[in-house]
C-alpha cells in the first residue's frame, strides 16, 4: 500500500472513532435519538473538513480543527465528570481508563501516524 492509501485509512479510522465517541457521549446524556443526530453531524463535519483539507494542499488546519474540537470537548467533559465525583483517585482512574485506552490514546497515535504519512507524501511529490 502506498503512503497516501495508508493516510486515507488512518483518517477514516480517526473519523470513525470520533463519530462513535461523540455519538456515545451524546446518547448517554440525552438519549439515543440525539446520539444518532450528533453522529450524523460529526460525520458530515468530518467529510466536509477532509475535502477542505484536501483542497488546501499543505495546510492541515481543516483536518486538525474538527479532530481537536471533537476530541478535546469529550475529553474535557469526561475528565471533568470523573473529577467532580466524590470518590477515591483510584476509582477516578478506573473510570477514566476505558476512555483513555479506547479513545484518547488511539486518536493521539493515529494523528501521529497520519501527520508522518502526510509529511512523507508531500515530500515525495515533485515541486512545481
Protein backbone atom coordinates (compact mmCIF):
# COMPACT_ATOMS: atom_id res chain seq x y z
CA UNK A 1 0.00 0.00 0.00
CA UNK A 2 1.13 3.50 -0.72
CA UNK A 3 1.57 6.15 1.94
CA UNK A 4 -1.42 8.01 0.50
CA UNK A 5 -3.67 4.96 0.85
CA UNK A 6 -2.45 4.39 4.40
CA UNK A 7 -3.14 8.04 5.18
CA UNK A 8 -6.72 7.72 3.92
CA UNK A 9 -7.24 4.59 6.02
CA UNK A 10 -5.88 6.31 9.13
CA UNK A 11 -8.08 9.37 8.51
CA UNK A 12 -11.11 7.08 8.12
CA UNK A 13 -10.34 5.31 11.40
CA UNK A 14 -9.97 8.67 13.16
CA UNK A 15 -13.34 9.77 11.78
CA UNK A 16 -14.98 6.52 12.89
CA UNK A 17 -13.57 6.87 16.40
CA UNK A 18 -14.82 10.46 16.59
CA UNK A 19 -18.30 9.52 15.36
CA UNK A 20 -18.52 6.67 17.87
CA UNK A 21 -17.28 8.70 20.83
CA UNK A 22 -19.43 11.77 20.21
CA UNK A 23 -22.48 9.60 19.47
CA UNK A 24 -21.93 7.59 22.65
CA UNK A 25 -21.40 10.69 24.76
CA UNK A 26 -24.50 12.49 23.45
CA UNK A 27 -26.71 9.38 23.60
CA UNK A 28 -25.60 8.79 27.19
CA UNK A 29 -26.55 12.35 28.09
CA UNK A 30 -29.68 12.99 26.02
CA UNK A 31 -30.87 9.68 24.62
CA UNK A 32 -30.38 7.55 21.54
CA UNK A 33 -32.12 9.93 19.10
CA UNK A 34 -29.79 12.83 19.91
CA UNK A 35 -26.84 10.43 19.83
CA UNK A 36 -27.76 9.39 16.29
CA UNK A 37 -28.21 13.01 15.21
CA UNK A 38 -24.86 14.00 16.69
CA UNK A 39 -23.15 11.06 14.97
CA UNK A 40 -24.54 12.24 11.62
CA UNK A 41 -23.41 15.82 12.33
CA UNK A 42 -19.90 14.66 13.27
CA UNK A 43 -19.74 12.54 10.11
CA UNK A 44 -20.80 15.44 7.88
CA UNK A 45 -18.35 17.83 9.54
CA UNK A 46 -15.54 15.27 9.21
CA UNK A 47 -16.18 14.71 5.50
CA UNK A 48 -16.51 18.42 4.71
CA UNK A 49 -13.34 19.12 6.66
CA UNK A 50 -11.48 16.33 4.87
CA UNK A 51 -12.49 17.79 1.49
CA UNK A 52 -11.42 21.27 2.58
CA UNK A 53 -8.11 19.87 3.87
CA UNK A 54 -7.54 18.07 0.56
CA UNK A 55 -8.27 21.28 -1.34
CA UNK A 56 -5.97 23.23 0.99
CA UNK A 57 -2.82 21.41 -0.12
CA UNK A 58 -0.16 21.63 2.56
CA UNK A 59 -2.44 23.08 5.25
CA UNK A 60 -3.84 20.53 7.71
CA UNK A 61 -5.98 23.05 9.57
CA UNK A 62 -9.28 21.78 8.15
CA UNK A 63 -8.45 18.23 9.15
CA UNK A 64 -7.00 19.14 12.53
CA UNK A 65 -9.67 21.62 13.66
CA UNK A 66 -12.69 19.26 13.83
CA UNK A 67 -10.50 16.46 15.12
CA UNK A 68 -9.33 18.61 18.01
CA UNK A 69 -12.81 20.01 18.57
CA UNK A 70 -14.44 16.59 18.69
CA UNK A 71 -11.57 15.17 20.74
CA UNK A 72 -10.99 17.94 23.28
CA UNK A 73 -14.65 18.56 24.16
CA UNK A 74 -15.41 14.91 25.06
CA UNK A 75 -12.10 14.59 26.91
CA UNK A 76 -12.76 17.69 29.00
CA UNK A 77 -16.33 16.60 29.72
CA UNK A 78 -15.38 13.06 30.75
CA UNK A 79 -12.39 14.15 32.85
CA UNK A 80 -14.50 16.91 34.46
CA UNK A 81 -17.29 14.49 35.35
CA UNK A 82 -14.80 11.95 36.71
CA UNK A 83 -13.06 14.56 38.85
CA UNK A 84 -16.34 16.00 40.15
CA UNK A 85 -17.38 12.74 41.80
CA UNK A 86 -16.69 12.23 45.46
CA UNK A 87 -14.66 9.02 45.10
CA UNK A 88 -11.06 8.00 45.60
CA UNK A 89 -8.37 8.72 43.00
CA UNK A 90 -8.16 5.03 42.23
CA UNK A 91 -11.87 4.95 41.37
CA UNK A 92 -11.42 8.04 39.18
CA UNK A 93 -8.51 6.36 37.42
CA UNK A 94 -10.59 3.23 36.87
CA UNK A 95 -13.41 5.32 35.39
CA UNK A 96 -11.07 7.19 33.01
CA UNK A 97 -9.04 4.17 31.86
CA UNK A 98 -11.55 2.81 29.27
CA UNK A 99 -11.88 6.26 27.73
CA UNK A 100 -8.12 6.79 27.53
CA UNK A 101 -7.41 3.29 26.21
CA UNK A 102 -10.40 3.14 23.84
CA UNK A 103 -10.40 6.71 22.51
CA UNK A 104 -7.73 9.12 23.76
CA UNK A 105 -4.61 7.07 23.10
CA UNK A 106 -5.80 5.68 19.71
CA UNK A 107 -6.64 9.19 18.47
CA UNK A 108 -3.24 10.54 19.51
CA UNK A 109 -1.38 7.60 17.94
CA UNK A 110 -3.41 7.75 14.73
CA UNK A 111 -2.84 11.50 14.43
CA UNK A 112 0.90 10.93 14.80
CA UNK A 113 0.83 8.31 12.03
CA UNK A 114 -1.40 10.50 9.82
CA UNK A 115 0.93 13.50 10.02
CA UNK A 116 4.02 11.38 9.39
CA UNK A 117 2.39 9.82 6.33
CA UNK A 118 1.24 13.25 5.16
CA UNK A 119 4.76 14.60 5.53
CA UNK A 120 6.17 11.67 3.51
CA UNK A 121 3.53 12.10 0.80
CA UNK A 122 4.21 15.83 0.48
CA UNK A 123 7.98 15.26 0.39
CA UNK A 124 7.70 12.63 -2.34
CA UNK A 125 5.63 14.89 -4.65
CA UNK A 126 7.63 16.76 -7.24
CA UNK A 127 7.58 20.51 -6.71
CA UNK A 128 6.12 22.70 -9.37
